[in-house]
Amino acid sequence: MPEGDTLHATALTLRALLAGRRLEAVDCELAAAEDWRLPGRVVERVEARGKNLLIHCAALEGAGVEQPGGLPVAIWTHMGMTGSWHSYRLGEPWQLPRERARIVLHTQRRVLPCFSPEALEFLGPRGLARHRVLATLGPDLLDPDADLDEAVARLRALGEVPLGDAIMRQSAVAGIGNVYKSELLFLAGRDPFAPVGALSPATLRALLERGRELMQANLASGRPRRTRAELGPSRGRYWVYERSGQPCRRCATLIRMRRQGALVRSTYFCPRCQDGGDSSS
């Protein structure tokens, strides 16, 4: 499941393969791909913003701003639950069916398809600044310059929204998905169903700092995501995620799963360990 660390890892990989290189060809059924005249453009940079990936392409060399290709463009993809970018050498077999690729970028040495993204758009400078998703994102936990105080303020403004729902709202803080939501709240001993506004600013900031530490550790490791790395692979990667009906690794109470929010996302928790503690602490 793509979360913030997944997208930042993908951005690192694509940056090494694309930055400074020319797009020789682009396969995409969207009419906008042809309108933007993507072949011939040079990729300037690749970045992740929360769960969003942006491939920034320069204007076509020699094209005026009033001509097709005369403005820079960003290729925006949101991976949703199952999307992914791949990279292959020329002639190398693909791991997934070609019909699932919404867009394929070709350079002189690599072929880079994006499979089953939830969203794909081409954004010029104005569209990038006004985008319905990007313009409203909260601070990205993996951004070194992320303003955690701003994220705390956005979370507290949600008031009675349950904590487990609130920290997954990308407009408050970007990057946390279902896995980190469940694991982070377990490690902090917090009730996912308590109102987020009941927690003090200091408590929420500590929660976000812990989440950032978990994501940074997984991003740096290059291994499959885990929150129990110190206990070794044979003991399981997670504390509660996808462990409904199994004993808590700390107290042996059975882990439970309930769904939350408008998207009815699953939340895994220990009823005994996550009593919430003192919300003013």
Protein backbone atom coordinates (compact mmCIF):
# COMPACT_ATOMS: atom_id res chain seq x y z
CA MET A 1 0.00 0.00 0.00
CA PRO A 2 1.68 3.27 -1.07
CA GLU A 3 2.20 5.72 1.79
CA GLY A 4 4.46 8.72 2.18
CA ASP A 5 7.68 6.75 2.50
CA THR A 6 6.77 4.65 -0.56
CA LEU A 7 6.32 7.75 -2.71
CA HIS A 8 9.53 9.37 -1.47
CA ALA A 9 11.43 6.16 -2.26
CA THR A 10 9.86 6.10 -5.73
CA ALA A 11 10.83 9.74 -6.24
CA LEU A 12 14.45 8.96 -5.35
CA THR A 13 14.53 6.13 -7.89
CA LEU A 14 12.86 8.09 -10.67
CA ARG A 15 15.03 11.13 -9.97
CA ALA A 16 18.17 9.08 -10.57
CA LEU A 17 16.75 7.73 -13.84
CA LEU A 18 15.03 10.82 -15.24
CA ALA A 19 16.49 14.08 -13.94
CA GLY A 20 18.38 15.86 -16.70
CA ARG A 21 17.30 13.34 -19.34
CA ARG A 22 15.16 13.90 -22.41
CA LEU A 23 11.87 12.09 -22.96
CA GLU A 24 12.26 10.34 -26.30
CA ALA A 25 8.63 9.18 -26.40
CA VAL A 26 5.55 9.10 -24.18
CA ASP A 27 2.71 6.58 -24.50
CA CYS A 28 -0.56 7.78 -22.98
CA GLU A 29 -4.19 7.58 -24.08
CA LEU A 30 -5.09 10.91 -22.49
CA ALA A 31 -5.54 13.64 -25.10
CA ALA A 32 -3.79 16.09 -22.77
CA ALA A 33 -0.53 14.18 -23.21
CA GLU A 34 -0.49 15.08 -26.89
CA ASP A 35 -1.57 18.66 -26.17
CA TRP A 36 1.39 19.19 -23.90
CA ARG A 37 3.89 17.79 -26.44
CA LEU A 38 5.83 15.74 -23.91
CA PRO A 39 8.38 14.05 -26.23
CA GLY A 40 11.54 16.12 -26.46
CA ARG A 41 11.14 17.72 -23.05
CA VAL A 42 13.90 17.41 -20.45
CA VAL A 43 12.95 16.24 -16.97
CA GLU A 44 14.11 18.85 -14.48
CA ARG A 45 13.23 17.16 -11.20
CA VAL A 46 11.06 14.55 -9.52
CA GLU A 47 9.41 15.13 -6.15
CA ALA A 48 7.00 13.51 -3.75
CA ARG A 49 4.42 15.51 -1.83
CA GLY A 50 2.73 13.24 0.67
CA LYS A 51 1.17 10.48 -1.44
CA ASN A 52 1.56 12.46 -4.68
CA LEU A 53 4.36 12.16 -7.23
CA LEU A 54 5.35 15.00 -9.58
CA ILE A 55 7.67 14.72 -12.58
CA HIS A 56 8.58 18.26 -13.61
CA CYS A 57 9.44 18.75 -17.29
CA ALA A 58 11.01 21.84 -18.82
CA ALA A 59 9.45 23.72 -21.72
CA LEU A 60 10.44 22.48 -25.15
CA GLU A 61 13.67 24.07 -26.26
CA GLY A 62 13.00 26.95 -28.64
CA ALA A 63 9.24 27.02 -28.09
CA GLY A 64 7.65 30.34 -27.15
CA VAL A 65 5.23 30.58 -24.25
CA GLU A 66 2.31 30.98 -26.67
CA GLN A 67 3.27 27.85 -28.61
CA PRO A 68 2.47 24.20 -27.76
CA GLY A 69 5.22 22.98 -25.48
CA GLY A 70 6.24 26.51 -24.55
CA LEU A 71 5.37 26.16 -20.86
CA PRO A 72 6.82 23.72 -18.30
CA VAL A 73 4.56 20.88 -17.29
CA ALA A 74 4.36 18.50 -14.34
CA ILE A 75 3.14 14.92 -14.67
CA TRP A 76 1.06 14.31 -11.54
CA THR A 77 0.22 10.82 -10.36
CA HIS A 78 -1.55 9.67 -7.23
CA MET A 79 -1.03 5.97 -6.59
CA GLY A 80 -4.19 5.32 -4.58
CA MET A 81 -4.20 1.82 -3.08
CA THR A 82 -2.47 -0.18 -5.81
CA GLY A 83 -0.66 2.14 -8.25
CA SER A 84 3.08 1.94 -8.89
CA TRP A 85 5.87 3.25 -11.12
CA HIS A 86 8.25 0.70 -12.64
CA SER A 87 11.54 0.98 -14.51
CA TYR A 88 12.84 -1.45 -17.13
CA ARG A 89 15.84 -1.68 -19.39
CA LEU A 90 15.08 -1.61 -23.09
CA GLY A 91 13.68 -4.98 -24.09
CA GLU A 92 13.31 -6.22 -20.51
CA PRO A 93 10.04 -8.08 -19.78
CA TRP A 94 7.48 -6.18 -17.72
CA GLN A 95 6.21 -7.54 -14.41
CA LEU A 96 2.64 -6.35 -14.97
CA PRO A 97 0.34 -6.39 -18.03
CA ARG A 98 0.89 -3.51 -20.46
CA GLU A 99 -2.80 -2.67 -20.52
CA ARG A 100 -2.54 -1.56 -16.90
CA ALA A 101 0.01 1.14 -17.76
CA ARG A 102 -1.71 4.54 -17.90
CA ILE A 103 1.45 6.32 -19.05
CA VAL A 104 4.86 5.11 -20.25
CA LEU A 105 7.92 7.35 -20.38
CA HIS A 106 10.78 6.42 -22.72
CA THR A 107 14.36 7.66 -22.42
CA GLN A 108 17.38 6.48 -24.42
CA ARG A 109 18.08 3.71 -21.92
CA ARG A 110 14.95 3.08 -19.87
CA VAL A 111 11.21 2.47 -20.14
CA LEU A 112 9.17 3.73 -17.18
CA PRO A 113 5.47 2.73 -17.01
CA CYS A 114 3.04 3.83 -14.33
CA PHE A 115 0.55 1.06 -13.53
CA SER A 116 -2.97 1.63 -12.25
CA PRO A 117 -2.62 5.08 -10.66
CA GLU A 118 -5.73 6.46 -9.02
CA ALA A 119 -5.14 9.77 -10.80
CA LEU A 120 -3.01 11.07 -13.68
CA GLU A 121 -2.95 14.68 -14.88
CA PHE A 122 -0.67 17.13 -16.70
CA LEU A 123 -0.28 20.44 -14.91
CA GLY A 124 1.14 23.70 -16.20
CA PRO A 125 2.37 26.40 -13.80
CA ARG A 126 -1.12 27.76 -13.14
CA GLY A 127 -2.70 24.34 -12.77
CA LEU A 128 0.04 23.27 -10.38
CA ALA A 129 -0.51 26.30 -8.14
CA ARG A 130 -4.29 25.87 -8.08
CA HIS A 131 -4.62 22.11 -8.07
CA ARG A 132 -7.54 20.83 -6.00
CA VAL A 133 -5.35 18.30 -4.17
CA LEU A 134 -1.84 19.75 -4.19
CA ALA A 135 -2.85 23.27 -3.19
CA THR A 136 -4.60 22.02 -0.05
CA LEU A 137 -2.02 19.49 1.20
CA GLY A 138 -0.85 19.78 4.76
CA PRO A 139 2.83 19.64 5.69
CA ASP A 140 4.61 16.53 4.38
CA LEU A 141 6.17 14.58 7.26
CA LEU A 142 9.15 13.58 5.11
CA ASP A 143 9.86 17.15 4.00
CA PRO A 144 12.89 18.35 6.02
CA ASP A 145 11.28 21.80 6.15
CA ALA A 146 7.82 20.57 7.19
CA ASP A 147 6.10 22.93 9.61
CA LEU A 148 4.84 20.54 12.28
CA ASP A 149 3.23 23.37 14.24
CA GLU A 150 1.10 24.11 11.19
CA ALA A 151 0.17 20.42 10.98
CA VAL A 152 -0.78 20.42 14.66
CA ALA A 153 -2.97 23.50 14.16
CA ARG A 154 -4.72 21.87 11.20
CA LEU A 155 -5.34 18.70 13.21
CA ARG A 156 -6.74 20.56 16.21
CA ALA A 157 -9.04 22.52 13.91
CA LEU A 158 -10.75 19.21 13.08
CA GLY A 159 -12.19 19.18 16.61
CA GLU A 160 -14.46 16.17 17.12
CA VAL A 161 -13.09 14.17 14.19
CA PRO A 162 -11.68 10.86 15.55
CA LEU A 163 -7.90 10.83 15.82
CA GLY A 164 -7.47 7.85 13.47
CA ASP A 165 -9.47 9.60 10.78
CA ALA A 166 -7.85 13.01 11.37
CA ILE A 167 -4.22 11.99 10.94
CA MET A 168 -5.02 10.43 7.57
CA ARG A 169 -6.54 13.63 6.21
CA GLN A 170 -3.90 14.80 3.78
CA SER A 171 -5.12 18.38 4.08
CA ALA A 172 -3.94 18.34 7.71
CA VAL A 173 -0.71 16.34 7.44
CA ALA A 174 0.53 14.60 4.30
CA GLY A 175 1.97 11.13 4.03
CA ILE A 176 0.28 9.01 6.70
CA GLY A 177 -1.74 6.06 5.41
CA ASN A 178 -3.47 3.07 6.93
CA VAL A 179 -0.33 1.24 8.05
CA TYR A 180 1.33 4.15 9.81
CA LYS A 181 -2.00 5.31 11.26
CA SER A 182 -2.55 2.00 13.06
CA GLU A 183 1.08 1.44 14.06
CA LEU A 184 1.73 5.00 15.20
CA LEU A 185 -1.35 5.23 17.40
CA PHE A 186 -0.54 1.87 18.99
CA LEU A 187 3.04 2.91 19.77
CA ALA A 188 1.76 6.16 21.27
CA GLY A 189 -0.95 4.38 23.28
CA ARG A 190 -3.66 6.57 21.75
CA ASP A 191 -7.31 5.72 21.20
CA PRO A 192 -8.01 6.03 17.42
CA PHE A 193 -11.65 6.87 18.14
CA ALA A 194 -11.07 9.76 20.57
CA PRO A 195 -11.62 13.28 19.17
CA VAL A 196 -8.41 14.78 17.84
CA GLY A 197 -9.25 18.14 19.41
CA ALA A 198 -9.00 16.61 22.88
CA LEU A 199 -5.26 16.13 22.50
CA SER A 200 -2.90 18.90 23.49
CA PRO A 201 -0.63 20.55 20.90
CA ALA A 202 2.40 18.98 22.59
CA THR A 203 0.86 15.51 22.38
CA LEU A 204 -0.01 15.91 18.71
CA ARG A 205 3.44 17.24 17.87
CA ALA A 206 5.09 14.29 19.63
CA LEU A 207 2.81 11.97 17.66
CA LEU A 208 3.86 13.55 14.35
CA GLU A 209 7.52 13.47 15.30
CA ARG A 210 7.24 9.76 16.07
CA GLY A 211 5.50 9.18 12.74
CA ARG A 212 8.25 11.05 10.90
CA GLU A 213 10.91 8.95 12.64
CA LEU A 214 9.19 5.71 11.59
CA MET A 215 8.85 6.84 7.98
CA GLN A 216 12.43 8.14 7.80
CA ALA A 217 13.78 4.86 9.16
CA ASN A 218 11.89 2.84 6.56
CA LEU A 219 12.89 5.18 3.75
CA ALA A 220 16.57 4.95 4.72
CA SER A 221 16.55 1.17 5.13
CA GLY A 222 15.45 0.31 1.60
CA ARG A 223 13.76 -2.80 3.00
CA PRO A 224 10.06 -3.68 3.12
CA ARG A 225 8.20 -1.41 5.52
CA ARG A 226 8.28 -2.42 9.19
CA THR A 227 7.76 -0.81 12.60
CA ARG A 228 9.45 -3.56 14.66
CA ALA A 229 12.83 -3.72 12.96
CA GLU A 230 14.72 -4.26 16.20
CA LEU A 231 12.97 -7.58 16.80
CA GLY A 232 13.99 -9.24 13.56
CA PRO A 233 12.00 -10.50 10.56
CA SER A 234 10.92 -13.76 12.19
CA ARG A 235 8.86 -11.91 14.79
CA GLY A 236 6.65 -9.99 12.35
CA ARG A 237 6.94 -6.53 10.83
CA TYR A 238 4.02 -4.83 12.58
CA TRP A 239 2.57 -4.41 16.04
CA VAL A 240 -1.14 -4.32 15.12
CA TYR A 241 -1.64 -3.75 11.39
CA GLU A 242 -3.55 -6.65 9.76
CA ARG A 243 -3.39 -8.61 13.04
CA SER A 244 -7.09 -8.55 13.96
CA GLY A 245 -7.95 -11.47 16.26
CA GLN A 246 -4.32 -12.11 17.20
CA PRO A 247 -2.86 -11.40 20.66
CA CYS A 248 -1.28 -8.02 21.30
CA ARG A 249 2.50 -8.31 21.30
CA ARG A 250 2.60 -6.35 24.56
CA CYS A 251 -0.40 -7.40 26.67
CA ALA A 252 -1.90 -10.44 24.85
CA THR A 253 -5.33 -8.77 24.48
CA LEU A 254 -6.83 -9.64 21.10
CA ILE A 255 -6.18 -6.99 18.44
CA ARG A 256 -9.36 -5.54 16.94
CA MET A 257 -10.22 -3.84 13.67
CA ARG A 258 -12.86 -1.15 13.11
CA ARG A 259 -13.52 1.05 10.12
CA GLN A 260 -13.34 4.82 10.25
CA GLY A 261 -14.15 7.91 8.24
CA ALA A 262 -16.01 8.56 5.02
CA LEU A 263 -13.78 6.09 3.19
CA VAL A 264 -14.37 3.41 5.89
CA ARG A 265 -10.67 2.70 6.20
CA SER A 266 -9.60 -0.11 8.53
CA THR A 267 -8.01 0.77 11.88
CA TYR A 268 -6.21 -1.91 13.90
CA PHE A 269 -5.78 -1.36 17.62
CA CYS A 270 -5.35 -2.92 21.05
CA PRO A 271 -8.32 -2.08 23.32
CA ARG A 272 -6.15 -2.35 26.43
CA CYS A 273 -2.92 -0.62 25.39
CA GLN A 274 -4.65 2.26 23.60
CA ASP A 275 -6.67 3.79 26.41
CA GLY A 276 -5.43 7.25 25.45
CA GLY A 277 -3.82 8.35 28.69
CA ASP A 278 -3.94 11.99 29.80
CA SER A 279 -4.87 14.15 26.80
CA SER A 280 -3.26 17.19 28.39
CA SER A 281 0.18 15.57 28.57
